[in-house]
Amino acid sequence: MQVTGIIAEYNPLHYGHRHHLQEARRLTGADVLLCLLSGNFTQRGEPAVVNKWARARMALENGADLVFELPVVYAVRHAQGFASGAVKLLEATGVVDYLVFGSEHGRCTELKALADFLARENLPFRERLKTYLEQGYPFPAARAQGLIDYHKEKGIPGLEGLTPEEVKDLIGHPNNILGLEYLQALARTGSTIRPLTIPRLGAGYHEEKLTTPLASATAIRRTLHESGRHALLRRFMPPRAWQILREEIEAGRAPLFLDSFTSQIISLLRRTPLAELRRIDGVGEGLENRLKDAARSAGTIEDLLSGLKTKRYTRTRLQRLLFHFLFNFTGEDASDFSPQKDPCYLRLLGFNPRGQRLLKFIKKRATLPLITKPARDLLPHIRASGRTARMWELECLATDLYVLAYPCPQARRAGQDYTQPLVITAGER
């Protein structure tokens, strides 16, 4: 049985995502597509527009056969943390043959060459990287500039045919960056999973307008946020994905945006002592003082971010930091769930008949506990491991705070990680 893995957020699922699912199956001859899906919060430090169970259903009704959750301790992290956690979870299933990811570049050869270069301790490059970081550049910009300088002077092995500007493009696009991290994570773990990439089609990742039927998730979310009219999105999403989004909105469980958490975050910042702020992952260099000052004057999340943003702290980094603060994700947690350490469990969100058949093999081959009913399956592991208990505690807290932002008060009950059933579908529709 050929199994292909996909790492996704589907925030929300659109035609570009469905193309990715279809191409992944075609290119690898997959019998089963196994999707690893971020939970209720995403890598860029934003809430998902609809919850993880709705997005799992979108995936299963548009080509995926089995959906596992990428826990919040990996989902809301820098690119390396996100990719490393995801790759280790795919490896832990014991069944995945391929990882197929989308990229702006669309070819694995050059991405693999750059990933191999970044994995080596190249002293001249490291010195350039250090220099740019000391000048206040955020890490992504410092790394990109260091690579361009090195390529101009010495040439990066395997990229001899690329100009410095082409190298800049290779390291400068969001999907390329994650692809590089997937490739490095596969190499670090000694994984036998084979990577493939397909070109991203349609609008760019950051495109904010609905200019093409293959619209970006960013444009879909922005349109929904500004207009509040899900009917406008019908042309830009597969029919069942759009219907699921509509159903969630009508049920009062969506849509959620960054500003849905204004009161939670600002009120918590205003009352949290500086000493506790310093414990949060990513808070250092006096940032706790800036957080307190900004929270005193901010009335919105945008006000807060404007008061915090500097050359060193990008908006995405700050958004992640705010949610780390909301979840009480500390520096100690970041160390416990670092890219060097293994996840604690495999949490199933949903499946179709093809996926159900694969589950029998996963139960035999998985190197981590398989969780289908948390109240039953997790309890012995939580009792045996403080680390497992903490991973699950953070997951439940993230969900409890997420649902507290639902438009419908009756839908905001806590404990939904225990009460929500698995998503079981008949397959693609």
Protein backbone atom coordinates (compact mmCIF):
# COMPACT_ATOMS: atom_id res chain seq x y z
CA MET A 1 0.00 0.00 0.00
CA GLN A 2 1.52 3.31 -1.14
CA VAL A 3 1.00 6.13 1.38
CA THR A 4 1.67 9.81 0.71
CA GLY A 5 1.88 12.40 3.45
CA ILE A 6 0.77 16.02 3.22
CA ILE A 7 1.35 18.74 5.85
CA ALA A 8 -1.34 21.42 5.74
CA GLU A 9 -3.33 24.16 7.44
CA TYR A 10 -6.29 24.51 5.02
CA ASN A 11 -7.21 27.91 6.39
CA PRO A 12 -9.59 27.46 4.62
CA LEU A 13 -9.27 24.79 1.93
CA HIS A 14 -9.34 26.27 -1.59
CA TYR A 15 -8.86 25.11 -5.18
CA GLY A 16 -5.06 25.30 -4.93
CA HIS A 17 -5.18 22.88 -2.00
CA ARG A 18 -7.43 20.48 -3.90
CA HIS A 19 -5.01 20.58 -6.84
CA HIS A 20 -2.18 19.73 -4.42
CA LEU A 21 -4.12 16.73 -3.09
CA GLN A 22 -4.93 15.49 -6.61
CA GLU A 23 -1.37 15.93 -7.87
CA ALA A 24 0.11 14.25 -4.79
CA ARG A 25 -1.99 11.17 -5.46
CA ARG A 26 -1.22 11.18 -9.19
CA LEU A 27 2.54 11.74 -8.93
CA THR A 28 3.14 9.12 -6.26
CA GLY A 29 0.47 6.59 -7.23
CA ALA A 30 -0.80 6.82 -3.67
CA ASP A 31 -3.40 4.40 -2.42
CA VAL A 32 -3.89 6.59 0.65
CA LEU A 33 -3.32 10.31 1.29
CA LEU A 34 -2.47 10.95 4.94
CA CYS A 35 -2.86 14.58 5.96
CA LEU A 36 -1.22 16.18 8.99
CA LEU A 37 -3.33 19.23 9.82
CA SER A 38 -2.60 22.16 12.13
CA GLY A 39 -5.11 22.48 14.96
CA ASN A 40 -6.99 25.66 15.81
CA PHE A 41 -4.01 28.01 15.41
CA THR A 42 -1.57 28.40 12.54
CA GLN A 43 2.14 28.82 11.98
CA ARG A 44 1.91 32.56 11.31
CA GLY A 45 0.36 33.17 14.72
CA GLU A 46 -3.31 33.42 13.73
CA PRO A 47 -6.46 31.52 14.66
CA ALA A 48 -7.81 29.26 11.97
CA VAL A 49 -10.90 30.79 10.39
CA VAL A 50 -12.84 27.60 11.22
CA ASN A 51 -12.01 24.90 13.77
CA LYS A 52 -9.85 21.84 13.22
CA TRP A 53 -12.79 19.40 12.95
CA ALA A 54 -14.42 21.44 10.18
CA ARG A 55 -11.12 21.71 8.32
CA ALA A 56 -10.50 17.98 8.72
CA ARG A 57 -13.89 17.39 7.07
CA MET A 58 -12.92 19.79 4.25
CA ALA A 59 -9.76 17.72 3.70
CA LEU A 60 -11.54 14.36 3.74
CA GLU A 61 -14.20 15.54 1.29
CA ASN A 62 -11.58 16.91 -1.13
CA GLY A 63 -9.09 14.08 -1.48
CA ALA A 64 -7.47 13.23 1.87
CA ASP A 65 -8.16 9.79 3.38
CA LEU A 66 -6.84 10.18 6.91
CA VAL A 67 -6.26 13.32 9.01
CA PHE A 68 -3.99 13.57 12.04
CA GLU A 69 -3.50 16.70 14.12
CA LEU A 70 -0.29 18.73 14.23
CA PRO A 71 -0.28 19.72 17.94
CA VAL A 72 -0.23 23.38 18.91
CA VAL A 73 3.28 23.02 20.38
CA TYR A 74 4.50 22.60 16.77
CA ALA A 75 1.76 24.34 14.78
CA VAL A 76 2.45 27.81 16.26
CA ARG A 77 6.24 27.81 15.99
CA HIS A 78 8.97 29.12 13.71
CA ALA A 79 9.43 27.24 10.43
CA GLN A 80 12.00 24.79 11.83
CA GLY A 81 9.82 23.85 14.81
CA PHE A 82 6.72 23.48 12.62
CA ALA A 83 8.48 21.33 10.02
CA SER A 84 10.43 19.19 12.45
CA GLY A 85 7.37 18.30 14.52
CA ALA A 86 5.36 17.52 11.40
CA VAL A 87 8.02 15.33 9.79
CA LYS A 88 8.57 13.38 13.02
CA LEU A 89 4.85 12.72 13.29
CA LEU A 90 4.67 11.45 9.70
CA GLU A 91 7.68 9.22 10.39
CA ALA A 92 6.08 7.95 13.60
CA THR A 93 3.08 6.55 11.72
CA GLY A 94 5.40 3.93 10.26
CA VAL A 95 3.52 3.89 6.95
CA VAL A 96 4.36 7.06 4.96
CA ASP A 97 6.35 6.59 1.73
CA TYR A 98 6.28 10.14 0.29
CA LEU A 99 5.97 13.69 1.52
CA VAL A 100 4.56 15.99 -1.16
CA PHE A 101 4.69 19.72 -0.47
CA GLY A 102 3.87 22.76 -2.55
CA SER A 103 6.52 25.38 -3.30
CA GLU A 104 6.91 28.51 -5.34
CA HIS A 105 10.07 27.06 -6.88
CA GLY A 106 8.43 23.78 -7.89
CA ARG A 107 11.62 21.68 -8.20
CA CYS A 108 13.23 19.59 -5.47
CA THR A 109 16.78 19.56 -6.87
CA GLU A 110 17.75 23.12 -5.98
CA LEU A 111 15.74 23.09 -2.74
CA LYS A 112 17.58 19.92 -1.69
CA ALA A 113 20.95 21.47 -2.55
CA LEU A 114 20.19 24.53 -0.44
CA ALA A 115 18.82 22.41 2.41
CA ASP A 116 22.03 20.34 2.40
CA PHE A 117 24.13 23.52 2.49
CA LEU A 118 22.12 24.97 5.40
CA ALA A 119 22.48 21.72 7.33
CA ARG A 120 26.28 21.94 7.24
CA GLU A 121 28.29 24.09 9.65
CA ASN A 122 29.76 26.42 7.03
CA LEU A 123 31.82 28.91 9.02
CA PRO A 124 31.97 31.77 6.44
CA PHE A 125 28.18 31.65 6.02
CA ARG A 126 27.61 31.43 9.80
CA GLU A 127 29.78 34.51 10.30
CA ARG A 128 27.74 36.45 7.73
CA LEU A 129 24.51 35.30 9.39
CA LYS A 130 25.80 36.42 12.79
CA THR A 131 26.78 39.83 11.42
CA TYR A 132 23.30 40.51 10.01
CA LEU A 133 21.62 39.32 13.21
CA GLU A 134 23.82 41.69 15.24
CA GLN A 135 22.70 44.50 12.94
CA GLY A 136 19.11 43.87 14.01
CA TYR A 137 17.86 41.86 11.02
CA PRO A 138 15.17 39.27 11.83
CA PHE A 139 16.44 35.73 11.31
CA PRO A 140 14.75 35.05 7.91
CA ALA A 141 16.14 38.28 6.42
CA ALA A 142 19.59 37.73 7.98
CA ARG A 143 19.76 34.20 6.59
CA ALA A 144 18.62 35.29 3.12
CA GLN A 145 21.19 38.11 2.95
CA GLY A 146 23.95 35.84 4.25
CA LEU A 147 23.17 33.24 1.59
CA ILE A 148 23.16 35.85 -1.19
CA ASP A 149 26.56 37.18 -0.04
CA TYR A 150 28.03 33.71 0.15
CA HIS A 151 26.67 32.72 -3.27
CA LYS A 152 28.13 35.86 -4.85
CA GLU A 153 31.58 35.17 -3.43
CA LYS A 154 31.93 31.38 -3.36
CA GLY A 155 28.87 29.80 -4.93
CA ILE A 156 26.54 27.41 -3.10
CA PRO A 157 27.14 23.80 -4.25
CA GLY A 158 24.33 22.60 -6.49
CA LEU A 159 23.11 26.13 -7.19
CA GLU A 160 25.83 27.16 -9.62
CA GLY A 161 23.25 27.79 -12.34
CA LEU A 162 21.31 30.29 -10.22
CA THR A 163 22.01 34.01 -9.95
CA PRO A 164 22.08 35.67 -6.50
CA GLU A 165 18.61 37.07 -7.23
CA GLU A 166 17.32 33.58 -7.97
CA VAL A 167 18.83 32.34 -4.72
CA LYS A 168 17.02 35.21 -2.97
CA ASP A 169 13.73 34.02 -4.50
CA LEU A 170 14.51 30.47 -3.41
CA ILE A 171 14.86 31.51 0.23
CA GLY A 172 12.33 34.36 0.17
CA HIS A 173 8.96 32.67 -0.44
CA PRO A 174 6.89 31.12 2.38
CA ASN A 175 6.32 27.69 0.83
CA ASN A 176 9.95 27.42 -0.27
CA ILE A 177 11.06 28.20 3.29
CA LEU A 178 8.86 25.47 4.76
CA GLY A 179 10.00 23.08 2.02
CA LEU A 180 13.64 23.69 2.97
CA GLU A 181 12.79 22.93 6.59
CA TYR A 182 10.95 19.72 5.63
CA LEU A 183 14.00 18.56 3.68
CA GLN A 184 16.35 19.35 6.56
CA ALA A 185 14.05 17.60 9.04
CA LEU A 186 13.91 14.47 6.86
CA ALA A 187 17.71 14.44 6.72
CA ARG A 188 18.13 15.00 10.49
CA THR A 189 15.81 12.13 11.36
CA GLY A 190 17.37 9.77 8.80
CA SER A 191 13.88 9.28 7.39
CA THR A 192 13.19 6.99 4.43
CA ILE A 193 10.24 9.19 3.41
CA ARG A 194 10.87 10.51 -0.11
CA PRO A 195 10.19 14.20 -0.73
CA LEU A 196 8.51 15.63 -3.82
CA THR A 197 7.37 19.17 -4.53
CA ILE A 198 4.78 20.59 -6.89
CA PRO A 199 4.59 24.21 -8.07
CA ARG A 200 2.21 26.52 -6.30
CA LEU A 201 -0.48 27.63 -8.77
CA GLY A 202 -2.60 30.76 -8.93
CA ALA A 203 -2.33 33.73 -6.59
CA GLY A 204 0.74 34.29 -4.45
CA TYR A 205 0.72 33.32 -0.78
CA HIS A 206 0.35 36.93 0.39
CA GLU A 207 -2.10 38.06 -2.35
CA GLU A 208 -4.95 39.83 -0.54
CA LYS A 209 -7.47 40.21 -3.39
CA LEU A 210 -9.65 37.63 -5.12
CA THR A 211 -8.08 38.10 -8.54
CA THR A 212 -8.17 34.49 -9.82
CA PRO A 213 -10.26 31.34 -9.24
CA LEU A 214 -7.09 29.89 -7.66
CA ALA A 215 -7.22 32.52 -4.91
CA SER A 216 -4.94 32.46 -1.89
CA ALA A 217 -6.20 31.54 1.57
CA THR A 218 -5.06 35.03 2.64
CA ALA A 219 -7.40 36.65 0.09
CA ILE A 220 -10.30 34.41 1.12
CA ARG A 221 -9.84 35.22 4.81
CA ARG A 222 -9.43 38.94 4.14
CA THR A 223 -12.58 39.09 2.01
CA LEU A 224 -14.55 37.25 4.67
CA HIS A 225 -13.17 39.53 7.39
CA GLU A 226 -13.92 42.75 5.53
CA SER A 227 -17.28 41.85 4.03
CA GLY A 228 -18.65 39.24 6.41
CA ARG A 229 -20.29 37.61 3.37
CA HIS A 230 -19.35 33.98 2.79
CA ALA A 231 -21.43 33.94 -0.41
CA LEU A 232 -18.66 35.96 -2.11
CA LEU A 233 -16.29 33.02 -1.64
CA ARG A 234 -18.36 30.41 -3.44
CA ARG A 235 -16.38 30.72 -6.70
CA PHE A 236 -13.04 30.40 -4.92
CA MET A 237 -13.53 27.26 -2.85
CA PRO A 238 -14.47 23.67 -3.76
CA PRO A 239 -18.24 23.21 -3.24
CA ARG A 240 -18.06 21.03 -0.11
CA ALA A 241 -15.34 23.18 1.50
CA TRP A 242 -17.51 26.25 0.96
CA GLN A 243 -20.60 24.46 2.30
CA ILE A 244 -18.73 23.41 5.45
CA LEU A 245 -17.53 26.99 5.96
CA ARG A 246 -21.12 28.23 5.51
CA GLU A 247 -22.46 25.65 7.98
CA GLU A 248 -19.88 26.66 10.60
CA ILE A 249 -20.76 30.33 10.16
CA GLU A 250 -24.48 29.63 10.42
CA ALA A 251 -23.88 27.56 13.58
CA GLY A 252 -22.03 30.48 15.18
CA ARG A 253 -18.66 28.70 15.29
CA ALA A 254 -16.97 30.86 12.65
CA PRO A 255 -15.35 32.91 11.31
CA LEU A 256 -12.49 33.67 13.71
CA PHE A 257 -9.72 36.18 13.07
CA LEU A 258 -6.82 37.69 14.94
CA ASP A 259 -8.96 40.53 16.27
CA SER A 260 -11.39 37.96 17.72
CA PHE A 261 -8.81 37.62 20.51
CA THR A 262 -8.34 41.32 21.26
CA SER A 263 -9.94 41.29 24.71
CA GLN A 264 -8.38 37.98 25.77
CA ILE A 265 -4.85 39.05 24.88
CA ILE A 266 -4.86 42.71 25.93
CA SER A 267 -6.63 42.11 29.25
CA LEU A 268 -4.20 39.31 30.09
CA LEU A 269 -1.22 41.48 29.18
CA ARG A 270 -2.44 44.32 31.37
CA ARG A 271 -2.72 42.15 34.46
CA THR A 272 0.30 39.84 34.05
CA PRO A 273 3.38 40.76 36.14
CA LEU A 274 6.65 41.39 34.29
CA ALA A 275 8.27 38.36 35.91
CA GLU A 276 5.63 36.07 34.42
CA LEU A 277 5.94 37.71 31.00
CA ARG A 278 9.67 36.97 30.98
CA ARG A 279 8.91 33.24 31.24
CA ILE A 280 7.04 33.19 27.92
CA ASP A 281 8.88 31.75 24.93
CA GLY A 282 10.33 34.54 22.78
CA VAL A 283 10.16 37.27 25.42
CA GLY A 284 13.61 38.72 26.04
CA GLU A 285 15.80 41.79 25.60
CA GLY A 286 13.31 43.94 27.51
CA LEU A 287 10.38 42.97 25.29
CA GLU A 288 8.28 42.38 28.41
CA ASN A 289 8.39 46.13 29.08
CA ARG A 290 7.35 46.93 25.52
CA LEU A 291 4.46 44.45 25.83
CA LYS A 292 3.19 46.09 29.01
CA ASP A 293 3.51 49.60 27.61
CA ALA A 294 1.82 48.71 24.33
CA ALA A 295 -1.04 46.93 26.12
CA ARG A 296 -1.77 50.01 28.24
CA SER A 297 -2.48 52.16 25.19
CA ALA A 298 -3.76 49.56 22.70
CA GLY A 299 -7.46 49.16 22.08
CA THR A 300 -7.07 46.64 19.25
CA ILE A 301 -4.68 43.88 18.24
CA GLU A 302 -3.51 46.09 15.35
CA ASP A 303 -2.68 48.87 17.83
CA LEU A 304 -0.78 46.37 19.95
CA LEU A 305 1.24 44.98 17.04
CA SER A 306 2.02 48.47 15.75
CA GLY A 307 3.39 49.38 19.16
CA LEU A 308 5.61 46.29 19.24
CA LYS A 309 6.92 45.89 15.70
CA THR A 310 10.60 46.66 15.11
CA LYS A 311 13.23 45.69 12.57
CA ARG A 312 14.15 42.67 14.72
CA TYR A 313 10.60 41.57 15.57
CA THR A 314 8.54 40.78 12.47
CA ARG A 315 4.76 40.84 12.60
CA THR A 316 4.56 37.05 12.25
CA ARG A 317 6.99 36.52 15.11
CA LEU A 318 5.03 38.90 17.31
CA GLN A 319 1.71 37.24 16.48
CA ARG A 320 3.15 33.86 17.47
CA LEU A 321 4.50 35.40 20.65
CA LEU A 322 1.06 36.79 21.58
CA PHE A 323 -0.51 33.36 21.29
CA HIS A 324 2.36 31.76 23.19
CA PHE A 325 1.52 34.25 25.91
CA LEU A 326 -2.19 33.42 25.71
CA PHE A 327 -1.45 29.67 26.05
CA ASN A 328 1.27 30.23 28.69
CA PHE A 329 3.78 28.53 26.38
CA THR A 330 7.03 29.15 28.25
CA GLY A 331 10.70 29.00 27.36
CA GLU A 332 10.81 25.69 29.23
CA ASP A 333 7.98 24.39 27.02
CA ALA A 334 9.86 25.50 23.90
CA SER A 335 12.87 23.49 25.09
CA ASP A 336 10.74 20.43 25.94
CA PHE A 337 9.14 20.49 22.49
CA SER A 338 12.22 21.56 20.51
CA PRO A 339 13.02 20.26 17.00
CA GLN A 340 15.53 17.86 18.57
CA LYS A 341 12.90 16.04 20.66
CA ASP A 342 10.19 13.60 19.61
CA PRO A 343 6.43 14.19 19.80
CA CYS A 344 4.39 12.32 22.42
CA TYR A 345 1.43 10.87 20.51
CA LEU A 346 -0.46 10.65 17.20
CA ARG A 347 -3.90 12.24 17.52
CA LEU A 348 -6.44 11.18 14.89
CA LEU A 349 -9.02 13.74 13.72
CA GLY A 350 -10.85 11.81 11.01
CA PHE A 351 -10.87 9.26 8.20
CA ASN A 352 -12.80 7.78 5.27
CA PRO A 353 -13.04 4.05 4.34
CA ARG A 354 -9.60 4.05 2.65
CA GLY A 355 -8.08 5.74 5.67
CA GLN A 356 -9.80 3.30 8.02
CA ARG A 357 -8.09 0.39 6.27
CA LEU A 358 -4.70 2.07 6.74
CA LEU A 359 -5.37 2.57 10.46
CA LYS A 360 -4.94 -1.18 11.02
CA PHE A 361 -1.35 -0.93 9.73
CA ILE A 362 -0.62 2.22 11.72
CA LYS A 363 -1.72 0.50 14.93
CA LYS A 364 0.90 -2.19 14.28
CA ARG A 365 3.75 0.02 13.03
CA ALA A 366 3.44 3.37 14.81
CA THR A 367 6.24 4.33 17.19
CA LEU A 368 3.99 6.68 19.18
CA PRO A 369 0.65 6.03 20.95
CA LEU A 370 -2.33 6.33 18.60
CA ILE A 371 -5.06 8.51 20.10
CA THR A 372 -8.59 8.09 18.72
CA LYS A 373 -10.54 8.69 21.96
CA PRO A 374 -8.50 11.00 24.21
CA ALA A 375 -10.37 10.21 27.44
CA ARG A 376 -9.61 6.52 26.97
CA ASP A 377 -6.32 6.41 25.06
CA LEU A 378 -4.33 9.25 26.62
CA LEU A 379 -4.88 8.68 30.33
CA PRO A 380 -2.18 6.02 30.91
CA HIS A 381 0.38 8.06 28.92
CA ILE A 382 -0.44 11.27 30.81
CA ARG A 383 0.05 9.42 34.11
CA ALA A 384 3.38 8.02 32.95
CA SER A 385 4.87 11.16 31.37
CA GLY A 386 4.78 14.78 32.52
CA ARG A 387 5.83 15.82 29.03
CA THR A 388 2.85 14.05 27.44
CA ALA A 389 0.58 15.60 30.06
CA ARG A 390 1.91 19.07 29.24
CA MET A 391 1.52 18.61 25.47
CA TRP A 392 -2.10 17.59 25.95
CA GLU A 393 -2.74 20.33 28.53
CA LEU A 394 -1.57 22.98 26.05
CA GLU A 395 -3.70 21.46 23.28
CA CYS A 396 -6.84 21.50 25.41
CA LEU A 397 -6.15 25.03 26.63
CA ALA A 398 -5.64 26.27 23.05
CA THR A 399 -8.98 24.77 22.04
CA ASP A 400 -10.79 26.12 25.11
CA LEU A 401 -9.53 29.64 24.37
CA TYR A 402 -10.27 29.29 20.66
CA VAL A 403 -13.92 28.33 21.18
CA LEU A 404 -14.31 31.18 23.68
CA ALA A 405 -14.05 33.49 20.64
CA TYR A 406 -16.94 31.81 18.79
CA PRO A 407 -19.72 34.24 17.80
CA CYS A 408 -22.36 31.97 19.42
CA PRO A 409 -22.14 31.90 23.25
CA GLN A 410 -23.81 28.48 23.45
CA ALA A 411 -20.97 26.96 21.38
CA ARG A 412 -18.20 28.15 23.74
CA ARG A 413 -18.17 25.27 26.20
CA ALA A 414 -14.77 24.00 27.29
CA GLY A 415 -13.44 20.47 26.95
CA GLN A 416 -14.24 19.98 23.26
CA ASP A 417 -11.01 18.04 22.69
CA TYR A 418 -12.72 15.35 24.76
CA THR A 419 -16.26 15.66 23.48
CA GLN A 420 -15.92 16.21 19.72
CA PRO A 421 -16.25 12.91 17.82
CA LEU A 422 -13.94 11.75 15.07
CA VAL A 423 -14.80 13.10 11.61
CA ILE A 424 -15.87 10.08 9.55
CA THR A 425 -16.85 10.55 5.91
CA ALA A 426 -17.70 8.40 2.91
CA GLY A 427 -14.81 10.03 1.00
CA GLU A 428 -14.35 12.69 -1.63
CA ARG A 429 -17.50 14.43 -2.84
